[in-house]
């Protein structure tokens, strides 16, 4: 049967698939639009299966906070190549998804959410078929606090969220500065209490091994190792790190001085 250019274009606009793929899908569906969409999805599912073992280490990481700054979300939309990650339509999809994600607390809920008549999971499968690369959600983080700020690093490779304990006049600036800190310095936890016990044990053993190699007496190892552990906390926990804009103060001191509050939590997602 004859398929018109307008029908092909309509399918292309709805799915993002190439012109020839859309025309072929419509021919196979005998002009039935919904069936043509289904055919393209099936193609996407086939491509997705073929590319399931591929690395998707490129993409776009975005963060968004709600209107009253009490909740935020980070979504990493991953693909295989930087070429695709920089494509305008890909970034538009990532923007659509971060807007949709803001109302969901879990990845499962987000993937099951409606996206123009299909689920988010189905949309990702469809785009795998359209683009020809593995497309997936590589990271999904949410955060709630009295005040939530965000930061997206240039190039959309890293995004962070930071929660403050109170709503203060300069909360936007302070939270953004701390979010930039988390993006740049990649802390492993908010504070000492947030560091996993296994990590602490490993650091103590590493410190002791180093001290033994330096010839320190065994009886002194525990005390010296504890001192090294304090340094580890200072370097690797957000509130104890030296503030990147003023190395003379810690992040905790900066927040307390500038906003008379404290950081309650943070989330960070980065492309590996």
Protein backbone atom coordinates (compact mmCIF):
# COMPACT_ATOMS: atom_id res chain seq x y z
CA UNK A 1 0.00 0.00 0.00
CA UNK A 2 1.04 3.62 -0.49
CA UNK A 3 2.53 5.29 2.59
CA UNK A 4 2.58 9.09 2.53
CA UNK A 5 5.49 11.26 3.60
CA UNK A 6 3.32 12.89 6.28
CA UNK A 7 2.55 9.48 7.82
CA UNK A 8 6.25 8.62 7.87
CA UNK A 9 7.10 11.98 9.43
CA UNK A 10 4.39 11.57 12.07
CA UNK A 11 5.86 8.20 13.09
CA UNK A 12 9.36 9.63 13.06
CA UNK A 13 8.31 12.51 15.35
CA UNK A 14 6.59 10.08 17.71
CA UNK A 15 9.43 7.58 17.96
CA UNK A 16 12.65 9.30 16.87
CA UNK A 17 13.37 6.44 14.45
CA UNK A 18 14.95 7.05 11.05
CA UNK A 19 12.82 7.86 8.00
CA UNK A 20 13.47 4.55 6.24
CA UNK A 21 12.83 2.55 9.42
CA UNK A 22 9.52 4.39 9.89
CA UNK A 23 8.45 3.79 6.30
CA UNK A 24 9.31 0.11 6.55
CA UNK A 25 7.43 -0.22 9.85
CA UNK A 26 4.33 1.42 8.35
CA UNK A 27 4.46 -0.82 5.27
CA UNK A 28 4.75 -3.91 7.47
CA UNK A 29 1.84 -2.63 9.57
CA UNK A 30 -0.21 -1.88 6.44
CA UNK A 31 -0.53 1.76 7.50
CA UNK A 32 -1.65 1.03 11.07
CA UNK A 33 0.14 3.70 13.14
CA UNK A 34 -0.06 1.93 16.51
CA UNK A 35 1.11 -1.35 15.01
CA UNK A 36 4.01 0.46 13.32
CA UNK A 37 5.04 1.90 16.70
CA UNK A 38 4.88 -1.61 18.15
CA UNK A 39 7.06 -2.91 15.28
CA UNK A 40 9.68 -0.28 16.03
CA UNK A 41 9.59 -1.18 19.72
CA UNK A 42 10.11 -4.82 18.84
CA UNK A 43 13.10 -3.81 16.74
CA UNK A 44 14.39 -1.86 19.72
CA UNK A 45 13.97 -4.86 21.99
CA UNK A 46 15.96 -6.96 19.55
CA UNK A 47 18.75 -4.40 19.38
CA UNK A 48 18.73 -4.04 23.14
CA UNK A 49 19.16 -7.79 23.56
CA UNK A 50 22.04 -7.81 21.09
CA UNK A 51 23.78 -4.98 22.94
CA UNK A 52 23.06 -6.10 26.51
CA UNK A 53 26.72 -6.88 27.15
CA UNK A 54 28.00 -3.56 25.81
CA UNK A 55 29.47 -0.88 28.08
CA UNK A 56 27.32 2.24 28.49
CA UNK A 57 29.84 4.53 30.16
CA UNK A 58 28.95 7.74 28.32
CA UNK A 59 25.79 9.78 28.62
CA UNK A 60 24.26 12.71 30.47
CA UNK A 61 23.88 13.14 34.22
CA UNK A 62 21.28 15.69 35.29
CA UNK A 63 19.86 16.88 38.61
CA UNK A 64 16.59 18.65 39.37
CA UNK A 65 15.02 20.08 42.53
CA UNK A 66 11.30 20.72 43.14
CA UNK A 67 9.84 24.23 43.39
CA UNK A 68 10.04 24.50 47.18
CA UNK A 69 13.54 22.98 47.33
CA UNK A 70 12.55 20.14 49.64
CA UNK A 71 13.33 17.25 47.28
CA UNK A 72 15.70 16.53 44.43
CA UNK A 73 16.65 13.76 42.03
CA UNK A 74 19.66 12.81 39.91
CA UNK A 75 19.31 10.69 36.77
CA UNK A 76 22.15 9.38 34.62
CA UNK A 77 21.02 8.47 31.10
CA UNK A 78 23.82 6.27 29.80
CA UNK A 79 24.85 5.37 26.26
CA UNK A 80 27.95 3.89 24.61
CA UNK A 81 29.61 6.84 22.87
CA UNK A 82 30.27 10.50 23.58
CA UNK A 83 28.98 11.29 20.08
CA UNK A 84 25.47 10.16 21.03
CA UNK A 85 25.69 11.76 24.49
CA UNK A 86 26.20 15.21 22.91
CA UNK A 87 23.33 14.86 20.43
CA UNK A 88 20.57 17.44 20.99
CA UNK A 89 17.75 14.88 20.81
CA UNK A 90 19.54 12.69 23.36
CA UNK A 91 19.93 15.62 25.75
CA UNK A 92 16.27 16.50 25.17
CA UNK A 93 15.30 12.96 26.21
CA UNK A 94 17.50 13.22 29.31
CA UNK A 95 15.79 16.51 30.21
CA UNK A 96 12.34 14.97 29.76
CA UNK A 97 13.32 12.06 31.98
CA UNK A 98 14.74 14.21 34.80
CA UNK A 99 11.50 16.23 34.82
CA UNK A 100 9.50 13.01 35.07
CA UNK A 101 11.81 11.47 37.68
CA UNK A 102 11.24 14.25 40.19
CA UNK A 103 7.95 12.70 41.29
CA UNK A 104 9.42 9.25 41.99
CA UNK A 105 11.36 7.95 44.97
CA UNK A 106 12.61 4.66 43.49
CA UNK A 107 14.15 3.58 40.21
CA UNK A 108 11.49 0.89 39.82
CA UNK A 109 8.69 3.45 40.10
CA UNK A 110 10.43 5.76 37.64
CA UNK A 111 11.00 3.03 35.04
CA UNK A 112 7.32 2.08 35.24
CA UNK A 113 6.16 5.71 34.83
CA UNK A 114 4.24 6.80 31.74
CA UNK A 115 6.23 8.52 29.01
CA UNK A 116 3.95 9.56 26.14
CA UNK A 117 1.94 6.34 26.17
CA UNK A 118 4.73 3.93 27.04
CA UNK A 119 6.75 3.27 30.17
CA UNK A 120 10.16 4.83 30.68
CA UNK A 121 11.68 1.34 30.44
CA UNK A 122 9.96 0.82 27.08
CA UNK A 123 11.18 4.21 25.87
CA UNK A 124 14.77 3.25 26.70
CA UNK A 125 14.38 -0.01 24.77
CA UNK A 126 12.86 1.86 21.85
CA UNK A 127 15.73 4.37 21.80
CA UNK A 128 18.25 1.53 21.87
CA UNK A 129 16.69 0.38 18.60
CA UNK A 130 16.47 3.89 17.15
CA UNK A 131 20.01 4.98 18.06
CA UNK A 132 21.72 1.62 17.76
CA UNK A 133 23.47 1.91 21.13
CA UNK A 134 22.68 0.52 24.55
CA UNK A 135 20.60 3.16 26.36
CA UNK A 136 19.91 2.70 30.07
CA UNK A 137 19.58 4.47 33.41
CA UNK A 138 23.04 4.29 34.93
CA UNK A 139 22.23 6.11 38.15
CA UNK A 140 19.14 7.24 40.06
CA UNK A 141 19.38 9.08 43.39
CA UNK A 142 16.87 11.08 45.42
CA UNK A 143 17.25 13.36 48.42
CA UNK A 144 14.86 15.13 50.78
CA UNK A 145 15.72 17.83 53.32
CA UNK A 146 14.57 21.16 54.73
CA UNK A 147 16.43 22.71 51.79
CA UNK A 148 17.88 20.85 48.80
CA UNK A 149 20.37 22.38 46.40
CA UNK A 150 21.90 20.91 43.25
CA UNK A 151 24.84 21.24 40.88
CA UNK A 152 25.50 19.86 37.39
CA UNK A 153 29.12 19.93 36.30
CA UNK A 154 29.89 21.32 32.83
CA UNK A 155 29.47 18.63 30.20
CA UNK A 156 26.78 16.77 32.18
CA UNK A 157 29.24 14.18 33.48
CA UNK A 158 28.64 14.72 37.23
CA UNK A 159 25.61 15.89 39.21
CA UNK A 160 25.13 16.33 42.94
CA UNK A 161 22.43 17.10 45.50
CA UNK A 162 23.00 18.58 48.95
CA UNK A 163 20.54 18.84 51.85
CA UNK A 164 20.64 21.54 54.52
CA UNK A 165 19.02 21.24 57.96
CA UNK A 166 17.33 24.65 57.75
CA UNK A 167 15.86 27.08 55.24
CA UNK A 168 18.05 30.20 55.44
CA UNK A 169 18.37 33.36 53.38
CA UNK A 170 21.46 32.25 51.46
CA UNK A 171 20.58 28.56 51.28
CA UNK A 172 20.73 28.55 47.46
CA UNK A 173 24.31 29.83 47.34
CA UNK A 174 25.58 27.75 50.25
CA UNK A 175 24.00 24.50 49.05
CA UNK A 176 25.31 25.04 45.51
CA UNK A 177 28.84 25.65 46.82
CA UNK A 178 28.71 22.47 48.88
CA UNK A 179 27.23 20.57 45.93
CA UNK A 180 30.17 21.79 43.82
CA UNK A 181 32.49 20.54 46.57
CA UNK A 182 30.88 17.09 46.45
CA UNK A 183 31.21 17.02 42.66
CA UNK A 184 34.87 18.03 42.69
CA UNK A 185 36.16 16.11 45.71
CA UNK A 186 34.04 12.94 45.53
CA UNK A 187 33.65 12.27 49.27
CA UNK A 188 32.81 8.71 50.28
CA UNK A 189 30.41 9.76 53.05
CA UNK A 190 28.87 12.79 54.75
CA UNK A 191 30.86 12.35 57.98
CA UNK A 192 32.76 9.76 60.03
CA UNK A 193 29.55 7.99 61.05
CA UNK A 194 28.69 7.41 57.42
CA UNK A 195 31.89 5.52 56.56
CA UNK A 196 31.40 1.76 56.35
CA UNK A 197 33.13 -0.20 59.11
CA UNK A 198 34.93 -2.39 56.56
CA UNK A 199 36.48 0.71 54.98
CA UNK A 200 37.69 1.92 58.38
CA UNK A 201 39.21 -1.48 59.19
CA UNK A 202 40.97 -1.55 55.84
CA UNK A 203 42.41 1.95 56.32
CA UNK A 204 43.69 1.05 59.80
CA UNK A 205 45.40 -2.07 58.45
CA UNK A 206 46.96 -0.11 55.58
CA UNK A 207 48.25 2.48 58.05
CA UNK A 208 49.69 -0.21 60.33
CA UNK A 209 51.45 -1.94 57.43
CA UNK A 210 53.02 1.35 56.39
CA UNK A 211 54.16 2.02 59.95
CA UNK A 212 55.67 -1.46 60.25
CA UNK A 213 57.64 -0.87 57.06
CA UNK A 214 58.89 2.37 58.62
CA UNK A 215 60.11 0.39 61.61
CA UNK A 216 57.68 1.75 64.19
CA UNK A 217 57.28 -0.36 67.39
CA UNK A 218 54.20 -2.61 67.41
CA UNK A 219 53.00 -1.07 70.67
CA UNK A 220 52.73 2.35 69.01
CA UNK A 221 50.85 1.26 65.90
CA UNK A 222 47.27 1.60 67.18
CA UNK A 223 47.66 5.22 68.34
CA UNK A 224 49.52 6.35 65.24
CA UNK A 225 47.04 4.54 62.97
CA UNK A 226 44.17 6.36 64.67
CA UNK A 227 45.86 9.64 63.84
CA UNK A 228 46.13 8.60 60.20
CA UNK A 229 42.47 7.61 60.27
CA UNK A 230 41.53 11.15 61.32
CA UNK A 231 43.39 12.42 58.27
CA UNK A 232 41.50 9.93 56.12
CA UNK A 233 38.18 11.27 57.45
CA UNK A 234 39.32 14.84 56.78
CA UNK A 235 40.16 14.03 53.17
CA UNK A 236 37.23 11.78 52.37
CA UNK A 237 34.11 12.89 54.27
CA UNK A 238 32.22 15.90 52.95
CA UNK A 239 31.74 18.01 56.07
CA UNK A 240 35.34 17.46 57.21
CA UNK A 241 36.99 18.26 53.87
CA UNK A 242 38.78 21.55 53.39
CA UNK A 243 36.37 23.88 51.62
CA UNK A 244 37.52 24.24 47.99
CA UNK A 245 36.91 28.01 47.97
CA UNK A 246 38.75 28.59 51.24
CA UNK A 247 41.13 25.83 52.29
CA UNK A 248 41.51 27.33 55.77
CA UNK A 249 38.05 26.14 56.85
CA UNK A 250 36.17 22.86 56.64
CA UNK A 251 32.91 22.48 54.74
CA UNK A 252 31.06 22.17 58.06
CA UNK A 253 32.60 25.42 59.33
CA UNK A 254 31.79 27.21 56.07
CA UNK A 255 28.13 26.18 56.24
CA UNK A 256 27.85 27.05 59.93
CA UNK A 257 29.46 30.47 59.45
CA UNK A 258 27.64 31.45 56.27
CA UNK A 259 24.22 29.98 56.99
CA UNK A 260 24.05 29.00 60.67
CA UNK A 261 23.00 25.48 59.69
CA UNK A 262 24.52 22.13 58.73
CA UNK A 263 24.64 19.66 55.86
CA UNK A 264 22.34 16.69 56.46
CA UNK A 265 23.00 14.58 53.36
CA UNK A 266 24.35 14.54 49.82
CA UNK A 267 24.09 12.42 46.69
CA UNK A 268 26.53 12.22 43.79
CA UNK A 269 26.28 10.46 40.43
CA UNK A 270 29.08 10.48 37.87
CA UNK A 271 29.83 8.74 34.61
CA UNK A 272 32.52 6.13 35.23
